[in-house]
Amino acid sequence: MRQTNVSQSKIDTDMKNIIETLQQTQSWLDLGKDDDVARAKITATYIQLSHYDNDTIRATLVKIESEYSFGDLFQMGAKIFAWLRIIFNVPPGYCSDEVAKASVVSGRCFPAPVKDGRVDMLWPYTLDDNGNLILVKPEHGVFIYSGSPYSPTKDFDFMVKFYERRAKENKSPTKLAEHPKTPPTSQPQGKSDGKSDGARPSNGTRPTKTQ
């Protein structure tokens, strides 16, 4: 019983740390085209938060969705939306039709680029020539939200279903993950060990690095 209490106490502390860190992190939606230093700082914060396991992250997202009003959830949701693309090894380019149909992004929660019905699932991130994750510069000064409210938990469950965790130690940016055409054989949602330094490669390729 004491071990259970200690474990729950750690989870509560981790959840509190994640929420407080996200609250204190500047929103990428508010950045101008010349705010490269701020973009790099946001990315560094997301990478720092990416060591938590899947169960802790999902529990945190459930808590946020249950406690935040629509307006507050939009701002926090935008941060989570970008953070999840750091946590998971989402490849660049447009996803397959199968992935697009399953994705909450197809509902246009945020204005991710779409081509022929396929979505750039890594957006608002892209990769530079060295394989580093770069937060993109906005094409418009104001983002207009439309459609159903963004669900961080549904987005997380989608990521767990289709993508592996991103391994930070990877030093081979030329070997990129690929968008799956069908859902991989996976564990129940939110039950992966979620260790970013032990992610399994997807489709026989190695994850991209985050530094």
C-alpha atoms as a PDB file:
ATOM      1  CA  MET A   1       0.000   0.000   0.000  1.00  0.00           C
ATOM      2  CA  ARG A   2       2.810   2.373   0.843  1.00  0.00           C
ATOM      3  CA  GLN A   3       4.460   1.649  -2.533  1.00  0.00           C
ATOM      4  CA  THR A   4       1.171   2.447  -4.292  1.00  0.00           C
ATOM      5  CA  ASN A   5       0.908   5.748  -2.447  1.00  0.00           C
ATOM      6  CA  VAL A   6       4.492   6.637  -3.344  1.00  0.00           C
ATOM      7  CA  SER A   7       3.871   5.794  -7.014  1.00  0.00           C
ATOM      8  CA  GLN A   8       0.683   7.865  -7.135  1.00  0.00           C
ATOM      9  CA  SER A   9       2.468  10.732  -5.426  1.00  0.00           C
ATOM     10  CA  LYS A  10       5.156  10.664  -8.113  1.00  0.00           C
ATOM     11  CA  ILE A  11       2.566  10.628 -10.893  1.00  0.00           C
ATOM     12  CA  ASP A  12       0.758  13.586  -9.331  1.00  0.00           C
ATOM     13  CA  THR A  13       4.044  15.475  -9.037  1.00  0.00           C
ATOM     14  CA  ASP A  14       4.968  14.699 -12.643  1.00  0.00           C
ATOM     15  CA  MET A  15       1.539  15.790 -13.892  1.00  0.00           C
ATOM     16  CA  LYS A  16       1.791  19.023 -11.926  1.00  0.00           C
ATOM     17  CA  ASN A  17       5.238  19.698 -13.395  1.00  0.00           C
ATOM     18  CA  ILE A  18       4.038  19.079 -16.959  1.00  0.00           C
ATOM     19  CA  ILE A  19       1.036  21.373 -16.596  1.00  0.00           C
ATOM     20  CA  GLU A  20       2.991  24.158 -14.924  1.00  0.00           C
ATOM     21  CA  THR A  21       5.749  23.975 -17.528  1.00  0.00           C
ATOM     22  CA  LEU A  22       3.260  24.115 -20.400  1.00  0.00           C
ATOM     23  CA  GLN A  23       1.468  27.035 -18.766  1.00  0.00           C
ATOM     24  CA  GLN A  24       4.741  28.953 -18.492  1.00  0.00           C
ATOM     25  CA  THR A  25       5.832  28.165 -22.044  1.00  0.00           C
ATOM     26  CA  GLN A  26       5.114  30.798 -24.660  1.00  0.00           C
ATOM     27  CA  SER A  27       2.573  29.788 -27.286  1.00  0.00           C
ATOM     28  CA  TRP A  28       4.025  29.230 -30.758  1.00  0.00           C
ATOM     29  CA  LEU A  29       0.816  30.752 -32.141  1.00  0.00           C
ATOM     30  CA  ASP A  30       1.877  34.145 -30.772  1.00  0.00           C
ATOM     31  CA  LEU A  31       5.319  34.228 -32.366  1.00  0.00           C
ATOM     32  CA  GLY A  32       6.304  36.483 -35.223  1.00  0.00           C
ATOM     33  CA  LYS A  33       8.366  35.419 -38.207  1.00  0.00           C
ATOM     34  CA  ASP A  34      11.591  36.744 -36.676  1.00  0.00           C
ATOM     35  CA  ASP A  35      11.234  35.083 -33.265  1.00  0.00           C
ATOM     36  CA  ASP A  36      13.758  32.320 -33.968  1.00  0.00           C
ATOM     37  CA  VAL A  37      15.236  32.417 -30.460  1.00  0.00           C
ATOM     38  CA  ALA A  38      11.782  32.011 -28.913  1.00  0.00           C
ATOM     39  CA  ARG A  39      11.044  29.092 -31.248  1.00  0.00           C
ATOM     40  CA  ALA A  40      14.235  27.337 -30.236  1.00  0.00           C
ATOM     41  CA  LYS A  41      13.416  27.885 -26.564  1.00  0.00           C
ATOM     42  CA  ILE A  42       9.925  26.429 -26.975  1.00  0.00           C
ATOM     43  CA  THR A  43      11.333  23.379 -28.750  1.00  0.00           C
ATOM     44  CA  ALA A  44      13.934  22.866 -26.013  1.00  0.00           C
ATOM     45  CA  THR A  45      11.162  22.934 -23.409  1.00  0.00           C
ATOM     46  CA  TYR A  46       9.081  20.378 -25.306  1.00  0.00           C
ATOM     47  CA  ILE A  47      12.103  18.093 -25.619  1.00  0.00           C
ATOM     48  CA  GLN A  48      12.725  18.433 -21.879  1.00  0.00           C
ATOM     49  CA  LEU A  49       9.127  17.359 -21.179  1.00  0.00           C
ATOM     50  CA  SER A  50       9.333  14.384 -23.525  1.00  0.00           C
ATOM     51  CA  HIS A  51      10.986  11.961 -21.093  1.00  0.00           C
ATOM     52  CA  TYR A  52       7.734  11.182 -19.281  1.00  0.00           C
ATOM     53  CA  ASP A  53       6.094   7.829 -19.979  1.00  0.00           C
ATOM     54  CA  ASN A  54       2.894   7.474 -21.965  1.00  0.00           C
ATOM     55  CA  ASP A  55       0.679   6.757 -18.958  1.00  0.00           C
ATOM     56  CA  THR A  56       1.762   9.938 -17.184  1.00  0.00           C
ATOM     57  CA  ILE A  57       1.387  12.071 -20.304  1.00  0.00           C
ATOM     58  CA  ARG A  58      -2.068  10.715 -21.099  1.00  0.00           C
ATOM     59  CA  ALA A  59      -3.280  11.164 -17.515  1.00  0.00           C
ATOM     60  CA  THR A  60      -2.078  14.761 -17.687  1.00  0.00           C
ATOM     61  CA  LEU A  61      -3.961  15.391 -20.929  1.00  0.00           C
ATOM     62  CA  VAL A  62      -7.150  13.907 -19.488  1.00  0.00           C
ATOM     63  CA  LYS A  63      -6.814  16.206 -16.485  1.00  0.00           C
ATOM     64  CA  ILE A  64      -6.272  19.260 -18.694  1.00  0.00           C
ATOM     65  CA  GLU A  65      -9.299  18.474 -20.858  1.00  0.00           C
ATOM     66  CA  SER A  66     -11.517  18.001 -17.815  1.00  0.00           C
ATOM     67  CA  GLU A  67     -10.447  21.220 -16.081  1.00  0.00           C
ATOM     68  CA  TYR A  68      -9.891  23.772 -18.863  1.00  0.00           C
ATOM     69  CA  SER A  69     -12.611  25.894 -20.442  1.00  0.00           C
ATOM     70  CA  PHE A  70     -12.845  26.051 -24.248  1.00  0.00           C
ATOM     71  CA  GLY A  71     -10.875  29.309 -24.544  1.00  0.00           C
ATOM     72  CA  ASP A  72      -8.123  28.189 -22.196  1.00  0.00           C
ATOM     73  CA  LEU A  73      -8.010  24.746 -23.781  1.00  0.00           C
ATOM     74  CA  PHE A  74      -7.392  26.286 -27.197  1.00  0.00           C
ATOM     75  CA  GLN A  75      -4.226  28.024 -25.976  1.00  0.00           C
ATOM     76  CA  MET A  76      -3.044  25.036 -23.949  1.00  0.00           C
ATOM     77  CA  GLY A  77      -4.133  22.681 -26.717  1.00  0.00           C
ATOM     78  CA  ALA A  78      -1.955  24.478 -29.252  1.00  0.00           C
ATOM     79  CA  LYS A  79       1.060  23.857 -27.032  1.00  0.00           C
ATOM     80  CA  ILE A  80       0.151  20.194 -26.573  1.00  0.00           C
ATOM     81  CA  PHE A  81      -0.474  19.812 -30.306  1.00  0.00           C
ATOM     82  CA  ALA A  82       3.115  20.882 -31.042  1.00  0.00           C
ATOM     83  CA  TRP A  83       4.561  18.977 -28.074  1.00  0.00           C
ATOM     84  CA  LEU A  84       3.073  15.662 -29.238  1.00  0.00           C
ATOM     85  CA  ARG A  85       4.946  16.044 -32.523  1.00  0.00           C
ATOM     86  CA  ILE A  86       8.149  16.218 -30.507  1.00  0.00           C
ATOM     87  CA  ILE A  87       7.252  13.201 -28.371  1.00  0.00           C
ATOM     88  CA  PHE A  88       6.423  10.918 -31.281  1.00  0.00           C
ATOM     89  CA  ASN A  89       8.569  10.106 -34.279  1.00  0.00           C
ATOM     90  CA  VAL A  90       6.298  11.721 -36.852  1.00  0.00           C
ATOM     91  CA  PRO A  91       8.022  11.852 -40.255  1.00  0.00           C
ATOM     92  CA  PRO A  92       7.984  14.908 -42.511  1.00  0.00           C
ATOM     93  CA  GLY A  93       5.766  15.078 -45.574  1.00  0.00           C
ATOM     94  CA  TYR A  94       2.137  14.232 -46.133  1.00  0.00           C
ATOM     95  CA  CYS A  95       0.673  11.165 -44.440  1.00  0.00           C
ATOM     96  CA  SER A  96      -1.111   8.266 -46.086  1.00  0.00           C
ATOM     97  CA  ASP A  97      -4.859   8.309 -46.697  1.00  0.00           C
ATOM     98  CA  GLU A  98      -5.324   5.762 -43.917  1.00  0.00           C
ATOM     99  CA  VAL A  99      -3.555   7.965 -41.407  1.00  0.00           C
ATOM    100  CA  ALA A 100      -5.317  11.109 -42.636  1.00  0.00           C
ATOM    101  CA  LYS A 101      -8.746   9.548 -42.129  1.00  0.00           C
ATOM    102  CA  ALA A 102      -7.897   8.491 -38.569  1.00  0.00           C
ATOM    103  CA  SER A 103      -6.263  11.764 -37.562  1.00  0.00           C
ATOM    104  CA  VAL A 104      -7.938  14.450 -35.489  1.00  0.00           C
ATOM    105  CA  VAL A 105      -5.866  16.900 -37.529  1.00  0.00           C
ATOM    106  CA  SER A 106      -8.049  16.169 -40.552  1.00  0.00           C
ATOM    107  CA  GLY A 107     -10.729  18.103 -38.687  1.00  0.00           C
ATOM    108  CA  ARG A 108      -8.591  21.217 -39.118  1.00  0.00           C
ATOM    109  CA  CYS A 109      -8.095  21.833 -35.408  1.00  0.00           C
ATOM    110  CA  PHE A 110      -5.059  23.853 -36.397  1.00  0.00           C
ATOM    111  CA  PRO A 111      -4.168  24.956 -39.946  1.00  0.00           C
ATOM    112  CA  ALA A 112      -1.755  22.141 -40.812  1.00  0.00           C
ATOM    113  CA  PRO A 113      -0.918  22.010 -44.537  1.00  0.00           C
ATOM    114  CA  VAL A 114      -3.161  19.664 -46.518  1.00  0.00           C
ATOM    115  CA  LYS A 115      -2.503  18.264 -49.991  1.00  0.00           C
ATOM    116  CA  ASP A 116      -4.929  15.992 -51.844  1.00  0.00           C
ATOM    117  CA  GLY A 117      -6.662  15.173 -48.578  1.00  0.00           C
ATOM    118  CA  ARG A 118      -3.401  14.249 -46.861  1.00  0.00           C
ATOM    119  CA  VAL A 119      -2.068  16.160 -43.882  1.00  0.00           C
ATOM    120  CA  ASP A 120       1.437  17.261 -42.962  1.00  0.00           C
ATOM    121  CA  MET A 121       1.302  15.465 -39.623  1.00  0.00           C
ATOM    122  CA  LEU A 122       4.625  16.839 -38.350  1.00  0.00           C
ATOM    123  CA  TRP A 123       3.460  20.467 -38.668  1.00  0.00           C
ATOM    124  CA  PRO A 124       4.075  22.928 -36.948  1.00  0.00           C
ATOM    125  CA  TYR A 125       7.489  21.289 -37.045  1.00  0.00           C
ATOM    126  CA  THR A 126       9.739  20.494 -39.959  1.00  0.00           C
ATOM    127  CA  LEU A 127      13.253  19.073 -40.303  1.00  0.00           C
ATOM    128  CA  ASP A 128      16.305  21.034 -41.380  1.00  0.00           C
ATOM    129  CA  ASP A 129      19.054  19.568 -43.575  1.00  0.00           C
ATOM    130  CA  ASN A 130      20.700  18.022 -40.492  1.00  0.00           C
ATOM    131  CA  GLY A 131      17.547  16.327 -39.276  1.00  0.00           C
ATOM    132  CA  ASN A 132      16.887  18.783 -36.448  1.00  0.00           C
ATOM    133  CA  LEU A 133      13.313  19.642 -35.532  1.00  0.00           C
ATOM    134  CA  ILE A 134      12.494  23.251 -36.379  1.00  0.00           C
ATOM    135  CA  LEU A 135       9.343  25.079 -35.343  1.00  0.00           C
ATOM    136  CA  VAL A 136       8.014  26.646 -38.535  1.00  0.00           C
ATOM    137  CA  LYS A 137       7.357  30.336 -39.039  1.00  0.00           C
ATOM    138  CA  PRO A 138       3.670  31.225 -39.336  1.00  0.00           C
ATOM    139  CA  GLU A 139       2.349  32.131 -42.751  1.00  0.00           C
ATOM    140  CA  HIS A 140      -0.390  34.259 -41.252  1.00  0.00           C
ATOM    141  CA  GLY A 141      -0.384  36.623 -38.310  1.00  0.00           C
ATOM    142  CA  VAL A 142      -3.627  35.289 -36.841  1.00  0.00           C
ATOM    143  CA  PHE A 143      -4.964  31.756 -36.615  1.00  0.00           C
ATOM    144  CA  ILE A 144      -8.729  31.405 -36.858  1.00  0.00           C
ATOM    145  CA  TYR A 145     -10.138  28.344 -35.106  1.00  0.00           C
ATOM    146  CA  SER A 146     -13.112  26.513 -36.586  1.00  0.00           C
ATOM    147  CA  GLY A 147     -14.670  23.115 -36.157  1.00  0.00           C
ATOM    148  CA  SER A 148     -14.878  20.810 -33.167  1.00  0.00           C
ATOM    149  CA  PRO A 149     -12.736  21.539 -30.103  1.00  0.00           C
ATOM    150  CA  TYR A 150      -9.259  20.042 -30.223  1.00  0.00           C
ATOM    151  CA  SER A 151      -8.902  16.981 -28.009  1.00  0.00           C
ATOM    152  CA  PRO A 152      -5.327  16.499 -26.762  1.00  0.00           C
ATOM    153  CA  THR A 153      -6.238  13.030 -25.484  1.00  0.00           C
ATOM    154  CA  LYS A 154      -7.615  11.875 -28.850  1.00  0.00           C
ATOM    155  CA  ASP A 155      -4.556  13.288 -30.601  1.00  0.00           C
ATOM    156  CA  PHE A 156      -2.297  11.457 -28.147  1.00  0.00           C
ATOM    157  CA  ASP A 157      -4.181   8.169 -28.649  1.00  0.00           C
ATOM    158  CA  PHE A 158      -3.848   8.625 -32.400  1.00  0.00           C
ATOM    159  CA  MET A 159      -0.087   9.130 -32.055  1.00  0.00           C
ATOM    160  CA  VAL A 160       0.268   6.024 -29.871  1.00  0.00           C
ATOM    161  CA  LYS A 161      -1.631   4.004 -32.476  1.00  0.00           C
ATOM    162  CA  PHE A 162       0.375   5.100 -35.513  1.00  0.00           C
ATOM    163  CA  TYR A 163       3.825   6.230 -34.364  1.00  0.00           C
ATOM    164  CA  GLU A 164       6.667   5.213 -32.061  1.00  0.00           C
ATOM    165  CA  ARG A 165       8.286   7.449 -29.483  1.00  0.00           C
ATOM    166  CA  ARG A 166      11.110   9.614 -30.815  1.00  0.00           C
ATOM    167  CA  ALA A 167      14.582   8.464 -29.726  1.00  0.00           C
ATOM    168  CA  LYS A 168      16.743  11.429 -28.770  1.00  0.00           C
ATOM    169  CA  GLU A 169      19.975   9.554 -29.117  1.00  0.00           C
ATOM    170  CA  ASN A 170      19.537   8.943 -32.872  1.00  0.00           C
ATOM    171  CA  LYS A 171      22.314  10.586 -34.892  1.00  0.00           C
ATOM    172  CA  SER A 172      21.291   9.478 -38.372  1.00  0.00           C
ATOM    173  CA  PRO A 173      18.893  12.103 -39.773  1.00  0.00           C
ATOM    174  CA  THR A 174      19.022  10.565 -43.246  1.00  0.00           C
ATOM    175  CA  LYS A 175      17.150   7.493 -42.024  1.00  0.00           C
ATOM    176  CA  LEU A 176      13.673   8.837 -41.437  1.00  0.00           C
ATOM    177  CA  ALA A 177      10.529   7.200 -40.188  1.00  0.00           C
ATOM    178  CA  GLU A 178       7.741   6.652 -42.681  1.00  0.00           C
ATOM    179  CA  HIS A 179       4.025   7.264 -42.369  1.00  0.00           C
ATOM    180  CA  PRO A 180       2.326   3.890 -41.876  1.00  0.00           C
ATOM    181  CA  LYS A 181      -0.326   2.930 -44.403  1.00  0.00           C
ATOM    182  CA  THR A 182      -2.239   0.919 -41.816  1.00  0.00           C
ATOM    183  CA  PRO A 183      -2.186   0.945 -38.010  1.00  0.00           C
ATOM    184  CA  PRO A 184       0.745  -1.103 -36.689  1.00  0.00           C
ATOM    185  CA  THR A 185       0.196  -3.937 -34.262  1.00  0.00           C
ATOM    186  CA  SER A 186       0.266  -2.017 -31.023  1.00  0.00           C
ATOM    187  CA  GLN A 187      -0.291  -2.151 -27.313  1.00  0.00           C
ATOM    188  CA  PRO A 188      -3.514  -0.792 -25.759  1.00  0.00           C
ATOM    189  CA  GLN A 189      -3.716   2.963 -25.919  1.00  0.00           C
ATOM    190  CA  GLY A 190      -1.550   4.719 -23.396  1.00  0.00           C
ATOM    191  CA  LYS A 191       0.102   1.504 -22.186  1.00  0.00           C
ATOM    192  CA  SER A 192       3.464   1.763 -23.889  1.00  0.00           C
ATOM    193  CA  ASP A 193       6.483   2.177 -21.664  1.00  0.00           C
ATOM    194  CA  GLY A 194       6.899   5.495 -23.433  1.00  0.00           C
ATOM    195  CA  LYS A 195      10.616   5.857 -22.805  1.00  0.00           C
ATOM    196  CA  SER A 196      11.968   8.263 -25.379  1.00  0.00           C
ATOM    197  CA  ASP A 197      15.424   6.703 -25.153  1.00  0.00           C
ATOM    198  CA  GLY A 198      14.111   3.231 -25.919  1.00  0.00           C
ATOM    199  CA  ALA A 199      11.681   3.755 -28.772  1.00  0.00           C
ATOM    200  CA  ARG A 200      11.387   1.034 -31.358  1.00  0.00           C
ATOM    201  CA  PRO A 201      11.945   2.085 -34.972  1.00  0.00           C
ATOM    202  CA  SER A 202       8.932   2.219 -37.280  1.00  0.00           C
ATOM    203  CA  ASN A 203       8.867   0.369 -40.622  1.00  0.00           C
ATOM    204  CA  GLY A 204      12.479  -0.723 -40.255  1.00  0.00           C
ATOM    205  CA  THR A 205      13.805   2.824 -40.078  1.00  0.00           C
ATOM    206  CA  ARG A 206      15.431   4.742 -37.272  1.00  0.00           C
ATOM    207  CA  PRO A 207      13.792   7.739 -35.583  1.00  0.00           C
ATOM    208  CA  THR A 208      15.028  11.265 -36.210  1.00  0.00           C
ATOM    209  CA  LYS A 209      16.974  13.134 -33.577  1.00  0.00           C
ATOM    210  CA  THR A 210      15.656  15.982 -31.449  1.00  0.00           C
ATOM    211  CA  GLN A 211      18.788  17.944 -30.794  1.00  0.00           C
END
